[in-house]
N, C-alpha and C. Protein backbone atom coordinates (compact mmCIF):
# COMPACT_ATOMS: atom_id res chain seq x y z
N MET A 1 74.79 91.61 97.27
CA MET A 1 75.47 91.50 95.97
C MET A 1 76.99 91.58 96.17
N PRO A 2 77.74 90.74 95.45
CA PRO A 2 79.19 90.82 95.55
C PRO A 2 79.71 92.19 95.10
N LEU A 3 80.74 92.65 95.76
CA LEU A 3 81.37 93.91 95.42
C LEU A 3 82.09 93.78 94.09
N SER A 4 82.07 94.84 93.28
CA SER A 4 82.81 94.86 92.02
C SER A 4 83.54 96.18 91.89
N LEU A 5 84.44 96.26 90.94
CA LEU A 5 85.18 97.50 90.71
C LEU A 5 84.24 98.63 90.30
N ASP A 6 83.11 98.29 89.69
CA ASP A 6 82.14 99.32 89.28
C ASP A 6 81.48 100.00 90.48
N ASP A 7 81.56 99.36 91.65
CA ASP A 7 80.92 99.93 92.85
C ASP A 7 81.81 100.94 93.56
N ILE A 8 83.06 101.06 93.15
CA ILE A 8 84.03 101.85 93.89
C ILE A 8 83.98 103.31 93.47
N ALA A 9 83.88 104.21 94.45
CA ALA A 9 84.02 105.64 94.21
C ALA A 9 85.51 105.98 94.32
N TRP A 10 86.19 106.07 93.20
CA TRP A 10 87.65 106.11 93.20
C TRP A 10 88.23 107.39 93.79
N ARG A 11 87.43 108.45 93.84
CA ARG A 11 87.92 109.68 94.47
C ARG A 11 88.06 109.52 95.99
N HIS A 12 87.50 108.43 96.53
CA HIS A 12 87.59 108.16 97.97
C HIS A 12 88.44 106.92 98.26
N VAL A 13 89.42 106.67 97.40
CA VAL A 13 90.27 105.48 97.52
C VAL A 13 91.67 105.88 97.95
N ALA A 14 92.25 105.07 98.83
CA ALA A 14 93.67 105.17 99.17
C ALA A 14 94.31 103.80 98.96
N HIS A 15 95.60 103.80 98.83
CA HIS A 15 96.36 102.57 98.59
C HIS A 15 97.28 102.32 99.78
N ILE A 16 97.16 101.16 100.40
CA ILE A 16 98.08 100.74 101.45
C ILE A 16 98.98 99.65 100.89
N CYS A 17 100.24 99.94 100.82
CA CYS A 17 101.25 98.97 100.38
C CYS A 17 101.93 98.42 101.63
N VAL A 18 101.77 97.14 101.86
CA VAL A 18 102.15 96.52 103.12
C VAL A 18 103.58 95.97 103.07
N ASP A 19 104.47 96.57 103.84
CA ASP A 19 105.76 95.99 104.22
C ASP A 19 106.63 95.53 103.05
N MET A 20 106.65 96.31 101.99
CA MET A 20 107.55 95.97 100.88
C MET A 20 108.92 96.57 101.18
N GLN A 21 109.66 95.85 102.02
CA GLN A 21 110.94 96.31 102.55
C GLN A 21 112.08 95.41 102.09
N ARG A 22 113.27 95.95 102.18
CA ARG A 22 114.43 95.22 101.72
C ARG A 22 114.66 93.93 102.51
N MET A 23 114.23 93.88 103.76
CA MET A 23 114.47 92.67 104.55
C MET A 23 113.62 91.49 104.07
N PHE A 24 112.58 91.77 103.28
CA PHE A 24 111.79 90.70 102.68
C PHE A 24 112.22 90.44 101.24
N GLU A 25 112.73 91.45 100.59
CA GLU A 25 113.18 91.31 99.20
C GLU A 25 114.53 90.61 99.10
N GLU A 26 115.42 90.88 100.05
CA GLU A 26 116.78 90.37 99.97
C GLU A 26 116.94 89.05 100.72
N GLU A 27 118.12 88.47 100.62
CA GLU A 27 118.39 87.14 101.18
C GLU A 27 118.59 87.22 102.69
N THR A 28 117.48 87.27 103.41
CA THR A 28 117.50 87.25 104.87
C THR A 28 116.69 86.05 105.34
N ALA A 29 116.60 85.87 106.65
CA ALA A 29 115.77 84.78 107.19
C ALA A 29 114.30 84.97 106.87
N TRP A 30 113.91 86.19 106.54
CA TRP A 30 112.52 86.48 106.19
C TRP A 30 112.34 86.73 104.69
N HIS A 31 113.25 86.25 103.90
CA HIS A 31 113.18 86.46 102.45
C HIS A 31 111.86 85.94 101.88
N THR A 32 111.21 86.78 101.09
CA THR A 32 109.96 86.42 100.41
C THR A 32 110.24 86.41 98.92
N PRO A 33 110.45 85.23 98.34
CA PRO A 33 110.89 85.17 96.93
C PRO A 33 109.96 85.88 95.97
N TRP A 34 108.66 85.89 96.26
CA TRP A 34 107.72 86.53 95.34
C TRP A 34 107.78 88.05 95.35
N ALA A 35 108.45 88.63 96.31
CA ALA A 35 108.43 90.10 96.44
C ALA A 35 108.89 90.77 95.15
N ALA A 36 109.98 90.29 94.59
CA ALA A 36 110.50 90.89 93.37
C ALA A 36 109.53 90.74 92.21
N ARG A 37 108.79 89.64 92.20
CA ARG A 37 107.83 89.38 91.13
C ARG A 37 106.64 90.34 91.17
N THR A 38 106.25 90.74 92.37
CA THR A 38 105.09 91.62 92.50
C THR A 38 105.44 93.11 92.43
N LEU A 39 106.72 93.43 92.53
CA LEU A 39 107.12 94.85 92.55
C LEU A 39 106.65 95.64 91.34
N PRO A 40 106.74 95.13 90.11
CA PRO A 40 106.28 95.94 88.97
C PRO A 40 104.80 96.31 89.06
N ALA A 41 103.96 95.37 89.51
CA ALA A 41 102.53 95.67 89.65
C ALA A 41 102.30 96.72 90.73
N ILE A 42 102.99 96.56 91.86
CA ILE A 42 102.84 97.53 92.95
C ILE A 42 103.34 98.90 92.52
N GLU A 43 104.46 98.93 91.84
CA GLU A 43 105.02 100.20 91.38
C GLU A 43 104.05 100.92 90.45
N ALA A 44 103.38 100.17 89.58
CA ALA A 44 102.42 100.79 88.66
C ALA A 44 101.24 101.40 89.41
N ILE A 45 100.79 100.73 90.46
CA ILE A 45 99.67 101.25 91.25
C ILE A 45 100.09 102.51 92.00
N VAL A 46 101.28 102.48 92.60
CA VAL A 46 101.76 103.66 93.33
C VAL A 46 101.94 104.83 92.37
N GLU A 47 102.50 104.55 91.20
CA GLU A 47 102.81 105.62 90.25
C GLU A 47 101.56 106.37 89.80
N LEU A 48 100.43 105.68 89.76
CA LEU A 48 99.19 106.32 89.33
C LEU A 48 98.76 107.41 90.31
N ASN A 49 98.89 107.13 91.63
CA ASN A 49 98.47 108.08 92.66
C ASN A 49 99.41 108.03 93.87
N PRO A 50 100.64 108.46 93.72
CA PRO A 50 101.58 108.36 94.85
C PRO A 50 101.12 109.14 96.08
N GLN A 51 100.42 110.24 95.87
CA GLN A 51 99.97 111.06 96.99
C GLN A 51 98.87 110.38 97.79
N ARG A 52 98.29 109.33 97.26
CA ARG A 52 97.24 108.60 97.95
C ARG A 52 97.72 107.22 98.38
N THR A 53 99.02 107.06 98.46
CA THR A 53 99.63 105.79 98.87
C THR A 53 100.23 105.92 100.27
N VAL A 54 100.01 104.90 101.08
CA VAL A 54 100.64 104.77 102.39
C VAL A 54 101.46 103.48 102.38
N PHE A 55 102.75 103.61 102.60
CA PHE A 55 103.61 102.44 102.77
C PHE A 55 103.70 102.10 104.25
N THR A 56 103.42 100.86 104.62
CA THR A 56 103.70 100.45 105.99
C THR A 56 105.05 99.75 106.04
N ARG A 57 105.71 99.90 107.17
CA ARG A 57 106.98 99.19 107.41
C ARG A 57 106.87 98.42 108.72
N PHE A 58 107.28 97.17 108.68
CA PHE A 58 107.31 96.34 109.87
C PHE A 58 108.66 96.55 110.55
N ILE A 59 108.63 97.05 111.78
CA ILE A 59 109.86 97.41 112.49
C ILE A 59 110.04 96.48 113.70
N PRO A 60 110.98 95.55 113.64
CA PRO A 60 111.21 94.66 114.78
C PRO A 60 111.79 95.43 115.97
N PRO A 61 111.71 94.83 117.16
CA PRO A 61 112.29 95.47 118.34
C PRO A 61 113.82 95.44 118.29
N LEU A 62 114.43 96.16 119.20
CA LEU A 62 115.89 96.16 119.28
C LEU A 62 116.41 94.76 119.53
N ASN A 63 115.76 94.03 120.43
CA ASN A 63 116.12 92.65 120.73
C ASN A 63 114.89 91.95 121.32
N ALA A 64 115.01 90.67 121.59
CA ALA A 64 113.87 89.91 122.10
C ALA A 64 113.39 90.43 123.45
N ASP A 65 114.30 90.88 124.29
CA ASP A 65 113.91 91.38 125.62
C ASP A 65 113.05 92.63 125.53
N ALA A 66 113.17 93.36 124.43
CA ALA A 66 112.39 94.58 124.26
C ALA A 66 110.99 94.30 123.73
N ALA A 67 110.72 93.06 123.34
CA ALA A 67 109.40 92.69 122.84
C ALA A 67 108.46 92.40 123.99
N ARG A 68 107.16 92.47 123.73
CA ARG A 68 106.19 92.25 124.78
C ARG A 68 105.39 90.97 124.53
N GLY A 69 104.99 90.35 125.62
CA GLY A 69 104.13 89.18 125.54
C GLY A 69 104.72 88.07 124.68
N ALA A 70 103.85 87.48 123.87
CA ALA A 70 104.25 86.36 123.03
C ALA A 70 105.26 86.77 121.96
N TRP A 71 105.37 88.07 121.69
CA TRP A 71 106.39 88.52 120.73
C TRP A 71 107.80 88.23 121.24
N ARG A 72 107.97 88.14 122.55
CA ARG A 72 109.31 87.88 123.07
C ARG A 72 109.82 86.51 122.61
N ALA A 73 108.97 85.49 122.73
CA ALA A 73 109.36 84.16 122.26
C ALA A 73 109.56 84.15 120.75
N TYR A 74 108.73 84.92 120.05
CA TYR A 74 108.86 85.02 118.60
C TYR A 74 110.25 85.52 118.22
N TYR A 75 110.69 86.59 118.89
CA TYR A 75 111.99 87.16 118.54
C TYR A 75 113.16 86.41 119.16
N GLN A 76 112.91 85.56 120.11
CA GLN A 76 113.96 84.64 120.53
C GLN A 76 114.25 83.66 119.41
N GLN A 77 113.19 83.26 118.70
CA GLN A 77 113.35 82.38 117.54
C GLN A 77 114.00 83.13 116.37
N TRP A 78 113.57 84.37 116.14
CA TRP A 78 114.04 85.15 115.00
C TRP A 78 114.99 86.26 115.44
N HIS A 79 115.89 85.95 116.34
CA HIS A 79 116.80 86.95 116.91
C HIS A 79 117.65 87.63 115.85
N MET A 80 117.91 86.92 114.75
CA MET A 80 118.75 87.51 113.70
C MET A 80 118.04 88.65 112.96
N MET A 81 116.72 88.77 113.19
CA MET A 81 115.96 89.82 112.53
C MET A 81 115.62 90.97 113.47
N THR A 82 116.19 91.00 114.65
CA THR A 82 116.01 92.14 115.54
C THR A 82 116.92 93.28 115.09
N ARG A 83 116.64 94.47 115.54
CA ARG A 83 117.38 95.64 115.05
C ARG A 83 118.83 95.65 115.50
N GLU A 84 119.15 95.01 116.62
CA GLU A 84 120.56 95.01 117.03
C GLU A 84 121.39 94.02 116.21
N ARG A 85 120.74 93.12 115.48
CA ARG A 85 121.45 92.14 114.67
C ARG A 85 121.38 92.43 113.17
N MET A 86 120.40 93.17 112.76
CA MET A 86 120.13 93.34 111.34
C MET A 86 120.60 94.72 110.86
N PRO A 87 121.24 94.81 109.70
CA PRO A 87 121.61 96.12 109.16
C PRO A 87 120.39 97.02 109.01
N ALA A 88 120.51 98.25 109.47
CA ALA A 88 119.37 99.16 109.49
C ALA A 88 118.78 99.40 108.11
N GLN A 89 119.60 99.35 107.07
CA GLN A 89 119.10 99.64 105.73
C GLN A 89 118.09 98.60 105.24
N LEU A 90 118.07 97.42 105.86
CA LEU A 90 117.11 96.41 105.45
C LEU A 90 115.68 96.75 105.86
N LEU A 91 115.53 97.72 106.76
CA LEU A 91 114.20 98.17 107.15
C LEU A 91 113.57 99.07 106.09
N GLU A 92 114.38 99.59 105.18
CA GLU A 92 113.90 100.56 104.21
C GLU A 92 113.03 99.92 103.15
N LEU A 93 112.25 100.75 102.47
CA LEU A 93 111.42 100.27 101.38
C LEU A 93 112.28 99.75 100.24
N CYS A 94 111.74 98.82 99.47
CA CYS A 94 112.42 98.36 98.26
C CYS A 94 112.70 99.57 97.36
N ALA A 95 113.84 99.55 96.72
CA ALA A 95 114.31 100.72 95.97
C ALA A 95 113.31 101.27 94.95
N PRO A 96 112.61 100.42 94.18
CA PRO A 96 111.67 100.99 93.20
C PRO A 96 110.52 101.78 93.83
N LEU A 97 110.25 101.54 95.11
CA LEU A 97 109.14 102.20 95.78
C LEU A 97 109.57 103.41 96.59
N ALA A 98 110.80 103.39 97.09
CA ALA A 98 111.27 104.46 97.96
C ALA A 98 111.24 105.82 97.27
N ARG A 99 111.37 105.83 95.95
CA ARG A 99 111.41 107.10 95.22
C ARG A 99 110.09 107.86 95.26
N PHE A 100 109.02 107.19 95.67
CA PHE A 100 107.71 107.84 95.70
C PHE A 100 107.44 108.59 97.01
N VAL A 101 108.38 108.51 97.95
CA VAL A 101 108.21 109.16 99.26
C VAL A 101 109.09 110.41 99.33
N PRO A 102 108.52 111.61 99.58
CA PRO A 102 107.12 111.96 99.40
C PRO A 102 106.78 112.05 97.92
N PRO A 103 105.51 112.17 97.55
CA PRO A 103 104.35 112.48 98.38
C PRO A 103 103.73 111.28 99.09
N ALA A 104 104.08 110.05 98.68
CA ALA A 104 103.58 108.90 99.44
C ALA A 104 104.08 108.98 100.87
N ARG A 105 103.33 108.38 101.79
CA ARG A 105 103.66 108.44 103.21
C ARG A 105 104.12 107.08 103.72
N VAL A 106 104.80 107.09 104.85
CA VAL A 106 105.27 105.87 105.49
C VAL A 106 104.70 105.80 106.90
N VAL A 107 104.13 104.65 107.26
CA VAL A 107 103.64 104.40 108.61
C VAL A 107 104.39 103.19 109.15
N ASP A 108 105.08 103.37 110.26
CA ASP A 108 105.81 102.27 110.89
C ASP A 108 104.95 101.58 111.92
N LYS A 109 105.11 100.26 112.02
CA LYS A 109 104.34 99.47 112.97
C LYS A 109 105.23 98.37 113.54
N ALA A 110 104.92 97.94 114.76
CA ALA A 110 105.72 96.92 115.42
C ALA A 110 105.04 95.55 115.40
N ILE A 111 103.84 95.50 114.83
CA ILE A 111 103.05 94.27 114.80
C ILE A 111 102.51 94.06 113.39
N TYR A 112 101.79 92.97 113.19
CA TYR A 112 101.27 92.68 111.86
C TYR A 112 100.28 93.74 111.38
N SER A 113 99.40 94.21 112.27
CA SER A 113 98.34 95.14 111.90
C SER A 113 98.85 96.57 111.85
N PRO A 114 98.40 97.35 110.86
CA PRO A 114 98.74 98.78 110.82
C PRO A 114 97.72 99.65 111.55
N TRP A 115 96.72 99.01 112.17
CA TRP A 115 95.59 99.77 112.70
C TRP A 115 95.73 100.12 114.17
N LEU A 116 96.66 99.51 114.87
CA LEU A 116 96.82 99.77 116.30
C LEU A 116 97.99 100.70 116.53
N GLU A 117 97.77 101.73 117.31
CA GLU A 117 98.83 102.63 117.79
C GLU A 117 99.54 103.40 116.68
N THR A 118 98.87 103.57 115.53
CA THR A 118 99.51 104.32 114.44
C THR A 118 98.76 105.58 114.04
N GLY A 119 97.47 105.66 114.36
CA GLY A 119 96.66 106.80 113.93
C GLY A 119 96.27 106.73 112.46
N LEU A 120 96.54 105.60 111.80
CA LEU A 120 96.26 105.49 110.37
C LEU A 120 94.77 105.63 110.07
N HIS A 121 93.94 104.95 110.82
CA HIS A 121 92.49 105.01 110.57
C HIS A 121 91.99 106.45 110.71
N ARG A 122 92.39 107.14 111.74
CA ARG A 122 91.96 108.53 111.94
C ARG A 122 92.40 109.40 110.77
N GLN A 123 93.61 109.20 110.31
CA GLN A 123 94.14 109.99 109.20
C GLN A 123 93.33 109.74 107.92
N LEU A 124 93.04 108.47 107.63
CA LEU A 124 92.29 108.14 106.43
C LEU A 124 90.86 108.69 106.49
N ARG A 125 90.27 108.65 107.67
CA ARG A 125 88.91 109.15 107.81
C ARG A 125 88.85 110.67 107.58
N THR A 126 89.87 111.40 108.04
CA THR A 126 89.87 112.85 107.80
C THR A 126 90.02 113.17 106.32
N GLU A 127 90.52 112.21 105.55
CA GLU A 127 90.68 112.38 104.10
C GLU A 127 89.51 111.79 103.32
N ALA A 128 88.45 111.38 104.04
CA ALA A 128 87.22 110.86 103.43
C ALA A 128 87.46 109.58 102.62
N VAL A 129 88.42 108.77 103.06
CA VAL A 129 88.70 107.50 102.38
C VAL A 129 87.64 106.49 102.76
N GLU A 130 87.10 105.82 101.75
CA GLU A 130 86.08 104.80 101.96
C GLU A 130 86.54 103.41 101.53
N THR A 131 87.49 103.37 100.61
CA THR A 131 87.96 102.10 100.03
C THR A 131 89.48 102.07 100.05
N LEU A 132 90.02 100.90 100.31
CA LEU A 132 91.46 100.72 100.35
C LEU A 132 91.90 99.68 99.32
N VAL A 133 92.84 100.05 98.50
CA VAL A 133 93.57 99.09 97.68
C VAL A 133 94.70 98.57 98.56
N VAL A 134 94.80 97.26 98.71
CA VAL A 134 95.83 96.67 99.57
C VAL A 134 96.76 95.82 98.72
N THR A 135 98.05 96.11 98.81
CA THR A 135 99.07 95.35 98.09
C THR A 135 100.19 94.98 99.08
N GLY A 136 101.15 94.18 98.62
CA GLY A 136 102.33 93.91 99.43
C GLY A 136 102.38 92.51 99.98
N GLY A 137 103.03 92.36 101.12
CA GLY A 137 103.25 91.03 101.69
C GLY A 137 103.13 91.02 103.20
N GLU A 138 102.92 89.87 103.76
CA GLU A 138 102.59 88.65 103.07
C GLU A 138 101.08 88.44 103.06
N THR A 139 100.58 87.83 102.02
CA THR A 139 99.15 87.61 101.83
C THR A 139 98.48 87.02 103.06
N ASP A 140 99.19 86.11 103.71
CA ASP A 140 98.63 85.32 104.81
C ASP A 140 99.08 85.79 106.19
N VAL A 141 99.75 86.95 106.26
CA VAL A 141 100.20 87.47 107.56
C VAL A 141 99.85 88.96 107.64
N CYS A 142 100.75 89.84 107.23
CA CYS A 142 100.51 91.28 107.40
C CYS A 142 99.44 91.81 106.45
N VAL A 143 99.36 91.28 105.24
CA VAL A 143 98.26 91.67 104.36
C VAL A 143 96.94 91.22 104.96
N LEU A 144 96.92 90.01 105.49
CA LEU A 144 95.72 89.50 106.17
C LEU A 144 95.29 90.43 107.31
N ALA A 145 96.23 90.82 108.15
CA ALA A 145 95.91 91.71 109.27
C ALA A 145 95.41 93.06 108.78
N THR A 146 95.98 93.54 107.70
CA THR A 146 95.55 94.83 107.13
C THR A 146 94.15 94.73 106.57
N VAL A 147 93.88 93.67 105.83
CA VAL A 147 92.57 93.49 105.21
C VAL A 147 91.49 93.29 106.28
N MET A 148 91.72 92.43 107.24
CA MET A 148 90.70 92.15 108.25
C MET A 148 90.42 93.38 109.11
N GLY A 149 91.46 94.12 109.45
CA GLY A 149 91.25 95.36 110.19
C GLY A 149 90.46 96.37 109.38
N ALA A 150 90.76 96.46 108.09
CA ALA A 150 90.05 97.39 107.22
C ALA A 150 88.56 97.02 107.14
N VAL A 151 88.28 95.74 107.00
CA VAL A 151 86.89 95.28 106.95
C VAL A 151 86.18 95.62 108.26
N ASP A 152 86.83 95.34 109.38
CA ASP A 152 86.22 95.64 110.68
C ASP A 152 85.94 97.12 110.84
N LEU A 153 86.78 97.96 110.27
CA LEU A 153 86.61 99.40 110.39
C LEU A 153 85.65 99.99 109.36
N GLY A 154 85.12 99.14 108.49
CA GLY A 154 84.10 99.58 107.55
C GLY A 154 84.58 99.99 106.18
N TYR A 155 85.85 99.77 105.87
CA TYR A 155 86.34 100.08 104.54
C TYR A 155 85.96 98.97 103.55
N ARG A 156 85.73 99.35 102.33
CA ARG A 156 85.75 98.38 101.25
C ARG A 156 87.21 98.12 100.89
N VAL A 157 87.49 96.92 100.38
CA VAL A 157 88.86 96.55 100.06
C VAL A 157 88.94 96.06 98.62
N VAL A 158 89.94 96.57 97.91
CA VAL A 158 90.27 96.07 96.57
C VAL A 158 91.63 95.39 96.68
N LEU A 159 91.68 94.11 96.28
CA LEU A 159 92.90 93.31 96.43
C LEU A 159 93.37 92.83 95.06
N PRO A 160 94.37 93.50 94.47
CA PRO A 160 94.92 93.02 93.21
C PRO A 160 95.80 91.79 93.46
N GLU A 161 95.35 90.64 93.02
CA GLU A 161 95.99 89.37 93.42
C GLU A 161 97.41 89.22 92.90
N ASP A 162 97.77 89.93 91.83
CA ASP A 162 99.13 89.85 91.31
C ASP A 162 100.04 90.90 91.96
N ALA A 163 99.51 91.63 92.96
CA ALA A 163 100.30 92.64 93.67
C ALA A 163 100.42 92.32 95.15
N VAL A 164 100.11 91.07 95.52
CA VAL A 164 100.35 90.58 96.88
C VAL A 164 101.22 89.34 96.79
N CYS A 165 102.00 89.10 97.82
CA CYS A 165 102.96 88.00 97.77
C CYS A 165 103.09 87.33 99.13
N SER A 166 103.63 86.12 99.10
CA SER A 166 103.88 85.36 100.32
C SER A 166 105.08 84.47 100.10
N SER A 167 105.65 83.99 101.19
CA SER A 167 106.73 83.00 101.09
C SER A 167 106.18 81.58 101.11
N ALA A 168 104.85 81.44 101.22
CA ALA A 168 104.23 80.12 101.29
C ALA A 168 103.10 80.05 100.28
N ASP A 169 103.31 79.29 99.21
CA ASP A 169 102.31 79.21 98.15
C ASP A 169 100.97 78.69 98.65
N GLU A 170 101.00 77.66 99.47
CA GLU A 170 99.76 77.01 99.90
C GLU A 170 98.86 77.96 100.66
N THR A 171 99.42 78.69 101.62
CA THR A 171 98.57 79.59 102.41
C THR A 171 98.23 80.87 101.63
N HIS A 172 99.09 81.29 100.72
CA HIS A 172 98.74 82.40 99.82
C HIS A 172 97.48 82.05 99.03
N ASP A 173 97.50 80.89 98.40
CA ASP A 173 96.35 80.46 97.60
C ASP A 173 95.11 80.28 98.47
N ALA A 174 95.30 79.72 99.67
CA ALA A 174 94.18 79.50 100.58
C ALA A 174 93.56 80.83 100.99
N MET A 175 94.38 81.83 101.27
CA MET A 175 93.84 83.13 101.69
C MET A 175 93.07 83.80 100.56
N LEU A 176 93.56 83.68 99.34
CA LEU A 176 92.82 84.27 98.22
C LEU A 176 91.45 83.61 98.09
N ARG A 177 91.38 82.29 98.30
CA ARG A 177 90.09 81.61 98.24
C ARG A 177 89.17 82.08 99.37
N ILE A 178 89.73 82.27 100.55
CA ILE A 178 88.92 82.75 101.68
C ILE A 178 88.42 84.17 101.43
N TYR A 179 89.30 85.05 100.95
CA TYR A 179 88.87 86.41 100.66
C TYR A 179 87.69 86.41 99.70
N ARG A 180 87.77 85.59 98.65
CA ARG A 180 86.72 85.56 97.63
C ARG A 180 85.43 84.96 98.17
N SER A 181 85.55 83.88 98.94
CA SER A 181 84.36 83.12 99.32
C SER A 181 83.65 83.68 100.55
N ARG A 182 84.37 84.38 101.43
CA ARG A 182 83.78 84.81 102.69
C ARG A 182 83.54 86.32 102.79
N PHE A 183 84.17 87.11 101.93
CA PHE A 183 84.10 88.56 102.09
C PHE A 183 83.68 89.27 100.80
N GLY A 184 82.86 88.59 100.00
CA GLY A 184 82.50 89.12 98.69
C GLY A 184 81.78 90.45 98.71
N GLU A 185 81.05 90.75 99.77
CA GLU A 185 80.34 92.03 99.85
C GLU A 185 81.24 93.17 100.31
N GLN A 186 82.40 92.84 100.86
CA GLN A 186 83.30 93.86 101.40
C GLN A 186 84.64 93.94 100.67
N LEU A 187 84.94 92.94 99.85
CA LEU A 187 86.24 92.87 99.19
C LEU A 187 86.06 92.38 97.77
N VAL A 188 86.80 92.98 96.86
CA VAL A 188 86.84 92.50 95.48
C VAL A 188 88.29 92.24 95.11
N ASP A 189 88.56 91.06 94.55
CA ASP A 189 89.90 90.78 94.06
C ASP A 189 89.90 90.97 92.54
N CYS A 190 91.04 91.33 92.01
CA CYS A 190 91.12 91.69 90.59
C CYS A 190 92.57 91.54 90.14
N ARG A 191 92.81 91.87 88.89
CA ARG A 191 94.17 91.98 88.37
C ARG A 191 94.58 93.45 88.38
N THR A 192 95.87 93.69 88.48
CA THR A 192 96.36 95.07 88.54
C THR A 192 95.93 95.87 87.33
N GLU A 193 95.97 95.28 86.13
CA GLU A 193 95.60 96.04 84.93
C GLU A 193 94.15 96.50 84.99
N ASP A 194 93.26 95.68 85.56
CA ASP A 194 91.86 96.08 85.68
C ASP A 194 91.69 97.19 86.72
N LEU A 195 92.42 97.09 87.81
CA LEU A 195 92.40 98.14 88.82
C LEU A 195 92.88 99.46 88.22
N LEU A 196 93.98 99.43 87.50
CA LEU A 196 94.53 100.66 86.92
C LEU A 196 93.57 101.28 85.92
N ASP A 197 92.93 100.45 85.11
CA ASP A 197 91.97 100.97 84.14
C ASP A 197 90.82 101.68 84.85
N ALA A 198 90.32 101.07 85.92
CA ALA A 198 89.19 101.65 86.63
C ALA A 198 89.58 102.94 87.34
N TRP A 199 90.73 102.92 88.03
CA TRP A 199 91.16 104.08 88.82
C TRP A 199 91.58 105.23 87.89
N ARG A 200 92.26 104.88 86.81
CA ARG A 200 92.71 105.92 85.88
C ARG A 200 91.53 106.62 85.24
N HIS A 201 90.47 105.87 84.99
CA HIS A 201 89.28 106.43 84.35
C HIS A 201 88.63 107.52 85.21
N GLU A 202 88.75 107.37 86.55
CA GLU A 202 88.09 108.32 87.45
C GLU A 202 89.07 109.25 88.14
N THR A 203 90.33 109.20 87.75
CA THR A 203 91.33 110.08 88.37
C THR A 203 91.34 111.45 87.71
């Protein structure tokens, strides 16, 4: 049977907000125009349960030479987004979200996935988390890595479609179709208002 919001035990839910940082919100080489549009929905979700929110931050290497494997060529292309070239404040969370830390937590990562070398899974398991609400950007890159890792690790996933964003409309839409058509037993997509109604009812 397809997963629905009625199947979720909300007392065992955590929220992962993926990479909503100033370097994606502002006019940089990695600018994601939709980020500002999704911020109000994300802010509403965080505000409901800030203590159960984890913000991830994507942290580039100091320079391309400090990257490993294929990431080195990646940062040769995107050298302007390495830490030695980019103002440090652009790594910070978008201003409307930063105010929630603490009690919300921040997990830094050097790759798309938040599941490797961070201890995040272990931390969530000690808190008896079974389901993850995933928001942020980009739908087809870091959100994708977060969702697929969560599914592999056995979490249910709730994806509010108006609280995820991408810089590419075509692949954003394609990923939403894939999430719905291929992962219906493990993932439910919804609107933020429906998520808030369900979570608030059991909070």
